[in-house]
Amino acid sequence: MTGSTRTAGATLIDETDEEYFASPALDQSQLKKFMHNPADWGWERLHGGMEPTPAMKFGTAFHAYLLGTADVTAMPEGMNPRTKEAKEWKAEQEARGALIVSQQDMQLLDRMRDNLRRDEERARMIDEGLREQAIEWTDERTGLRLKAKLDLIPRDSLWLVDIKTAASAQPEDFARSAWLHGYHIQAEFYRAAVMMIDPALLHREHRDSLGMQFWVFEKQDACDWRPWSIRASSEIASCARTSIRQALLRIAECVEKAGDAGYGADLDGAARWCVERMGYPKQVEEIQFADWQLREAEIL
């Protein structure tokens, strides 16, 4: 960890991804997992999540390449990966913290970054803003410790920015993806994090934000990109705030019950309690089919 700054119960932290993920505080991904199924949240918290997929690794490399937060490199053309030379090269790159991608992916990354850099205003936002900034704070109502790591907090702006890679940045496609992955939850959780920090430390005039912009980059052909947003004033953001509050209250209740049951009165104790005591209902329920499904069944 390279440093931290405390402000009114919140901490602005400069840390690596490894340090961030090692922190026991709750992040928005854990919160969404709990909303889906508390038992799954408990299991993942105790045992870790799944191994990163190729798409996830590509997204991580693109974030680092676009934001300039880590070196991204490809094996030199003509180098045989099975040779001693190649293995030594790979070990050297990994030792200095570089992310290694294929030559083909490197070409995509160049194309995607070049497309963004042609937009001088967006390029300036990256160059002058805080990138991959971690924040930890305590939720006042529950006492739970929370954390967030934002892609970009632009200087002198009313927006927050998150970088996304996607198969399609088209309206219907990305709206579907945003709903599926809970980007409205992410947007409001991150906005709450930034509100806990003295805006002067973020080089901003206002504590609150208009919402979150999602810069969505396609990963094929022209690698075009498109900015979308979720405003704090929108109906979906209001729903997200309600969902976040309800989830935090439920997790706090699980911590209390876990302590009473001898699992430990902390988040890991709550995770153990959720794995054994929470999850899906076990009574038999009749499957409910939608009207359009019933109509299709009649046609068949």
Protein backbone atom coordinates (compact mmCIF):
# COMPACT_ATOMS: atom_id res chain seq x y z
CA MET A 1 0.00 0.00 0.00
CA THR A 2 1.50 3.33 -1.00
CA GLY A 3 -0.60 5.68 1.11
CA SER A 4 -3.99 6.71 2.42
CA THR A 5 -5.90 9.85 3.40
CA ARG A 6 -8.68 9.87 5.98
CA THR A 7 -11.67 12.19 5.76
CA ALA A 8 -14.83 12.12 7.89
CA GLY A 9 -14.97 8.36 8.43
CA ALA A 10 -13.79 7.50 4.92
CA THR A 11 -10.33 6.64 3.63
CA LEU A 12 -8.87 7.47 0.23
CA ILE A 13 -6.39 4.66 -0.47
CA ASP A 14 -3.65 4.11 -3.04
CA GLU A 15 -3.35 0.33 -3.29
CA THR A 16 -2.83 -2.49 -5.75
CA ASP A 17 -5.64 -4.74 -6.93
CA GLU A 18 -4.26 -7.50 -4.71
CA GLU A 19 -4.39 -5.25 -1.65
CA TYR A 20 -7.87 -4.04 -2.57
CA PHE A 21 -9.32 -7.53 -2.96
CA ALA A 22 -7.65 -8.66 0.28
CA SER A 23 -9.53 -6.03 2.28
CA PRO A 24 -12.44 -7.59 4.23
CA ALA A 25 -14.78 -4.68 3.46
CA LEU A 26 -17.87 -5.18 1.27
CA ASP A 27 -17.78 -4.02 -2.35
CA GLN A 28 -20.56 -3.66 -4.90
CA SER A 29 -19.84 -7.04 -6.49
CA GLN A 30 -20.36 -8.78 -3.15
CA LEU A 31 -23.52 -6.78 -2.58
CA LYS A 32 -24.97 -7.85 -5.93
CA LYS A 33 -24.06 -11.47 -5.20
CA PHE A 34 -25.90 -11.23 -1.87
CA MET A 35 -28.96 -9.77 -3.61
CA HIS A 36 -28.96 -12.74 -5.97
CA ASN A 37 -28.53 -15.39 -3.28
CA PRO A 38 -27.04 -14.93 0.22
CA ALA A 39 -25.70 -18.49 0.17
CA ASP A 40 -23.73 -17.79 -3.02
CA TRP A 41 -22.38 -14.58 -1.48
CA GLY A 42 -21.25 -16.48 1.60
CA TRP A 43 -19.55 -19.21 -0.42
CA GLU A 44 -17.72 -16.78 -2.69
CA ARG A 45 -16.59 -14.62 0.22
CA LEU A 46 -15.16 -17.63 2.04
CA HIS A 47 -13.71 -19.52 -0.93
CA GLY A 48 -13.09 -16.88 -3.59
CA GLY A 49 -14.73 -16.34 -6.95
CA MET A 50 -14.25 -18.14 -10.22
CA GLU A 51 -11.04 -17.92 -12.22
CA PRO A 52 -11.00 -14.93 -14.60
CA THR A 53 -12.31 -15.77 -18.07
CA PRO A 54 -10.41 -14.67 -21.23
CA ALA A 55 -12.97 -11.86 -21.63
CA MET A 56 -12.34 -10.70 -18.06
CA LYS A 57 -8.56 -10.79 -18.57
CA PHE A 58 -8.92 -8.75 -21.76
CA GLY A 59 -11.08 -6.21 -19.91
CA THR A 60 -8.46 -5.92 -17.15
CA ALA A 61 -5.72 -5.37 -19.73
CA PHE A 62 -7.77 -2.73 -21.53
CA HIS A 63 -8.46 -0.82 -18.31
CA ALA A 64 -4.74 -0.75 -17.53
CA TYR A 65 -3.79 0.20 -21.09
CA LEU A 66 -6.37 2.98 -21.45
CA LEU A 67 -5.92 4.44 -17.98
CA GLY A 68 -2.15 3.94 -17.84
CA THR A 69 -2.28 2.16 -14.47
CA ALA A 70 -0.09 -0.82 -15.46
CA ASP A 71 2.19 -1.87 -18.29
CA VAL A 72 0.59 -4.03 -20.98
CA THR A 73 2.82 -5.87 -23.42
CA ALA A 74 2.77 -8.61 -26.04
CA MET A 75 5.41 -11.22 -26.74
CA PRO A 76 7.67 -10.00 -29.56
CA GLU A 77 6.72 -11.30 -32.98
CA GLY A 78 8.65 -14.38 -33.99
CA MET A 79 9.44 -15.44 -30.43
CA ASN A 80 8.50 -19.07 -29.81
CA PRO A 81 6.64 -19.27 -26.46
CA ARG A 82 8.09 -22.74 -25.81
CA THR A 83 11.71 -21.60 -25.92
CA LYS A 84 13.87 -20.76 -22.91
CA GLU A 85 14.20 -17.20 -24.20
CA ALA A 86 10.43 -16.75 -24.27
CA LYS A 87 9.95 -18.22 -20.81
CA GLU A 88 12.62 -15.93 -19.38
CA TRP A 89 10.99 -12.96 -21.12
CA LYS A 90 7.59 -13.86 -19.67
CA ALA A 91 9.00 -14.27 -16.15
CA GLU A 92 10.72 -10.90 -16.44
CA GLN A 93 7.51 -9.15 -17.52
CA GLU A 94 5.46 -10.76 -14.76
CA ALA A 95 8.10 -9.86 -12.17
CA ARG A 96 7.71 -6.17 -13.00
CA GLY A 97 3.91 -6.40 -12.86
CA ALA A 98 3.23 -6.19 -16.60
CA LEU A 99 0.10 -7.71 -18.13
CA ILE A 100 0.86 -9.98 -21.08
CA VAL A 101 -1.54 -10.23 -24.02
CA SER A 102 -1.38 -11.80 -27.47
CA GLN A 103 -0.25 -9.85 -30.52
CA GLN A 104 -3.83 -9.97 -31.82
CA ASP A 105 -5.23 -8.57 -28.58
CA MET A 106 -2.52 -5.90 -28.53
CA GLN A 107 -3.71 -4.69 -31.92
CA LEU A 108 -7.26 -4.45 -30.58
CA LEU A 109 -6.07 -2.57 -27.50
CA ASP A 110 -4.18 -0.09 -29.67
CA ARG A 111 -7.24 0.48 -31.83
CA MET A 112 -9.54 0.95 -28.83
CA ARG A 113 -7.20 3.36 -27.07
CA ASP A 114 -6.51 5.36 -30.22
CA ASN A 115 -10.26 5.80 -30.73
CA LEU A 116 -10.60 7.33 -27.28
CA ARG A 117 -7.48 9.49 -27.54
CA ARG A 118 -8.92 11.19 -30.62
CA ASP A 119 -11.51 12.72 -28.28
CA GLU A 120 -9.40 15.44 -26.66
CA GLU A 121 -11.86 16.18 -23.85
CA ARG A 122 -12.18 12.53 -22.79
CA ALA A 123 -8.41 12.08 -23.08
CA ARG A 124 -7.91 15.09 -20.80
CA MET A 125 -10.34 13.62 -18.26
CA ILE A 126 -8.16 10.51 -18.07
CA ASP A 127 -4.86 12.38 -17.97
CA GLU A 128 -5.93 14.77 -15.20
CA GLY A 129 -8.30 12.57 -13.20
CA LEU A 130 -7.81 10.04 -10.42
CA ARG A 131 -7.57 6.56 -11.92
CA GLU A 132 -8.25 3.22 -10.21
CA GLN A 133 -8.87 5.10 -6.96
CA ALA A 134 -9.87 3.01 -3.93
CA ILE A 135 -12.15 4.32 -1.18
CA GLU A 136 -13.17 2.67 2.10
CA TRP A 137 -15.88 3.98 4.40
CA THR A 138 -18.26 2.92 7.14
CA ASP A 139 -22.00 2.77 6.51
CA GLU A 140 -23.51 4.86 9.31
CA ARG A 141 -26.77 2.91 9.68
CA THR A 142 -25.26 -0.57 9.87
CA GLY A 143 -21.63 -0.05 10.85
CA LEU A 144 -20.56 -2.22 7.91
CA ARG A 145 -17.22 -1.39 6.32
CA LEU A 146 -17.56 -0.78 2.57
CA LYS A 147 -15.08 -0.33 -0.27
CA ALA A 148 -15.05 0.78 -3.90
CA LYS A 149 -12.40 1.15 -6.58
CA LEU A 150 -13.40 3.60 -9.28
CA ASP A 151 -11.97 3.53 -12.79
CA LEU A 152 -11.94 7.31 -13.17
CA ILE A 153 -12.85 10.29 -10.98
CA PRO A 154 -12.44 13.20 -13.42
CA ARG A 155 -11.05 16.48 -12.15
CA ASP A 156 -13.52 19.39 -11.92
CA SER A 157 -16.40 17.27 -13.18
CA LEU A 158 -19.86 16.34 -11.95
CA TRP A 159 -19.55 12.82 -13.39
CA LEU A 160 -17.87 9.57 -12.44
CA VAL A 161 -16.62 7.26 -15.20
CA ASP A 162 -16.48 3.49 -15.57
CA ILE A 163 -14.83 1.72 -18.50
CA LYS A 164 -16.65 -1.23 -20.09
CA THR A 165 -15.80 -3.60 -22.92
CA ALA A 166 -18.74 -5.19 -24.70
CA ALA A 167 -19.74 -7.15 -27.76
CA SER A 168 -22.09 -4.29 -28.66
CA ALA A 169 -22.54 -0.68 -27.55
CA GLN A 170 -25.93 -0.47 -29.28
CA PRO A 171 -28.77 0.92 -27.10
CA GLU A 172 -30.81 -2.24 -26.59
CA ASP A 173 -27.76 -4.47 -26.28
CA PHE A 174 -26.00 -2.39 -23.66
CA ALA A 175 -29.20 -1.68 -21.71
CA ARG A 176 -29.69 -5.44 -21.48
CA SER A 177 -26.09 -5.92 -20.36
CA ALA A 178 -26.36 -3.07 -17.84
CA TRP A 179 -29.43 -4.67 -16.28
CA LEU A 180 -27.95 -8.17 -16.30
CA HIS A 181 -24.73 -7.06 -14.58
CA GLY A 182 -26.34 -4.56 -12.20
CA TYR A 183 -24.58 -1.45 -13.44
CA HIS A 184 -27.25 0.70 -11.76
CA ILE A 185 -26.17 -0.79 -8.41
CA GLN A 186 -22.53 -0.11 -9.24
CA ALA A 187 -23.26 3.49 -10.25
CA GLU A 188 -25.06 4.38 -7.02
CA PHE A 189 -22.65 2.47 -4.78
CA TYR A 190 -19.70 4.34 -6.29
CA ARG A 191 -21.52 7.67 -6.08
CA ALA A 192 -22.09 7.03 -2.37
CA ALA A 193 -18.38 6.30 -1.93
CA VAL A 194 -17.29 9.56 -3.53
CA MET A 195 -19.79 11.53 -1.43
CA MET A 196 -17.89 10.39 1.68
CA ILE A 197 -14.68 12.10 0.56
CA ASP A 198 -13.78 15.79 0.87
CA PRO A 199 -14.15 16.97 -2.76
CA ALA A 200 -10.97 19.05 -2.48
CA LEU A 201 -8.99 15.81 -2.18
CA LEU A 202 -10.50 14.69 -5.49
CA HIS A 203 -9.89 18.06 -7.19
CA ARG A 204 -13.64 18.59 -7.49
CA GLU A 205 -15.91 21.40 -6.34
CA HIS A 206 -18.92 19.33 -5.34
CA ARG A 207 -19.30 16.31 -3.09
CA ASP A 208 -22.23 14.83 -5.04
CA SER A 209 -22.16 13.63 -8.66
CA LEU A 210 -24.70 13.76 -11.45
CA GLY A 211 -24.21 10.02 -11.85
CA MET A 212 -21.94 7.65 -13.69
CA GLN A 213 -20.88 7.58 -17.32
CA PHE A 214 -20.08 4.22 -18.88
CA TRP A 215 -17.62 4.42 -21.76
CA VAL A 216 -18.47 1.28 -23.69
CA PHE A 217 -15.89 -0.11 -26.12
CA GLU A 218 -16.63 -2.78 -28.68
CA LYS A 219 -13.93 -5.42 -29.13
CA GLN A 220 -14.13 -6.11 -32.84
CA ASP A 221 -13.90 -4.47 -36.28
CA ALA A 222 -13.49 -0.69 -35.83
CA CYS A 223 -13.52 -1.05 -32.02
CA ASP A 224 -15.87 1.90 -31.85
CA TRP A 225 -17.01 3.20 -28.48
CA ARG A 226 -19.99 5.04 -27.09
CA PRO A 227 -20.64 6.84 -23.78
CA TRP A 228 -23.79 5.99 -21.82
CA SER A 229 -24.89 7.25 -18.40
CA ILE A 230 -27.04 6.45 -15.39
CA ARG A 231 -28.05 9.71 -13.74
CA ALA A 232 -28.61 9.86 -10.00
CA SER A 233 -31.99 11.48 -10.71
CA SER A 234 -33.20 8.54 -12.82
CA GLU A 235 -35.81 6.03 -11.69
CA ILE A 236 -33.38 3.13 -12.01
CA ALA A 237 -30.88 4.92 -9.74
CA SER A 238 -33.60 5.44 -7.14
CA CYS A 239 -34.39 1.73 -7.28
CA ALA A 240 -30.68 0.98 -6.87
CA ARG A 241 -30.43 3.10 -3.72
CA THR A 242 -33.38 1.22 -2.21
CA SER A 243 -31.88 -2.15 -3.15
CA ILE A 244 -28.48 -1.22 -1.70
CA ARG A 245 -29.99 -0.07 1.58
CA GLN A 246 -32.13 -3.19 1.93
CA ALA A 247 -29.15 -5.45 1.19
CA LEU A 248 -26.93 -3.69 3.74
CA LEU A 249 -29.62 -3.98 6.40
CA ARG A 250 -30.04 -7.69 5.65
CA ILE A 251 -26.28 -8.31 5.79
CA ALA A 252 -26.07 -6.48 9.12
CA GLU A 253 -28.90 -8.69 10.38
CA CYS A 254 -26.97 -11.76 9.19
CA VAL A 255 -23.89 -10.57 11.11
CA GLU A 256 -25.97 -10.30 14.27
CA LYS A 257 -27.59 -13.71 13.81
CA ALA A 258 -24.24 -15.29 13.00
CA GLY A 259 -22.79 -13.91 16.22
CA ASP A 260 -25.72 -15.24 18.26
CA ALA A 261 -25.35 -18.67 16.62
CA GLY A 262 -21.63 -18.90 17.30
CA TYR A 263 -20.40 -18.39 13.73
CA GLY A 264 -18.62 -15.13 14.61
CA ALA A 265 -20.05 -11.61 14.72
CA ASP A 266 -18.35 -10.33 11.57
CA LEU A 267 -18.78 -10.55 7.81
CA ASP A 268 -17.00 -13.89 7.53
CA GLY A 269 -19.20 -15.25 10.30
CA ALA A 270 -22.23 -13.96 8.41
CA ALA A 271 -20.91 -15.66 5.28
CA ARG A 272 -20.67 -19.01 7.09
CA TRP A 273 -24.17 -18.53 8.48
CA CYS A 274 -25.58 -17.67 5.04
CA VAL A 275 -24.05 -20.76 3.43
CA GLU A 276 -25.74 -23.03 5.98
CA ARG A 277 -28.91 -21.12 6.87
CA MET A 278 -29.85 -18.93 3.90
CA GLY A 279 -30.30 -19.52 0.18
CA TYR A 280 -33.32 -20.60 -1.85
CA PRO A 281 -36.57 -21.72 -0.19
CA LYS A 282 -36.79 -25.51 0.04
CA GLN A 283 -40.57 -25.94 -0.03
CA VAL A 284 -42.07 -27.14 -3.33
CA GLU A 285 -43.62 -24.35 -5.41
CA GLU A 286 -45.58 -24.54 -8.65
CA ILE A 287 -43.74 -23.13 -11.68
CA GLN A 288 -45.35 -19.89 -12.86
CA PHE A 289 -45.33 -19.43 -16.64
CA ALA A 290 -45.68 -16.05 -18.35
CA ASP A 291 -48.72 -15.37 -20.55
CA TRP A 292 -46.62 -15.42 -23.72
CA GLN A 293 -45.29 -18.85 -22.79
CA LEU A 294 -48.81 -20.18 -22.28
CA ARG A 295 -49.85 -18.77 -25.65
CA GLU A 296 -46.92 -20.49 -27.35
CA ALA A 297 -47.81 -23.75 -25.60
CA GLU A 298 -51.35 -23.54 -26.98
CA ILE A 299 -50.00 -23.08 -30.52
CA LEU A 300 -47.82 -26.17 -30.18
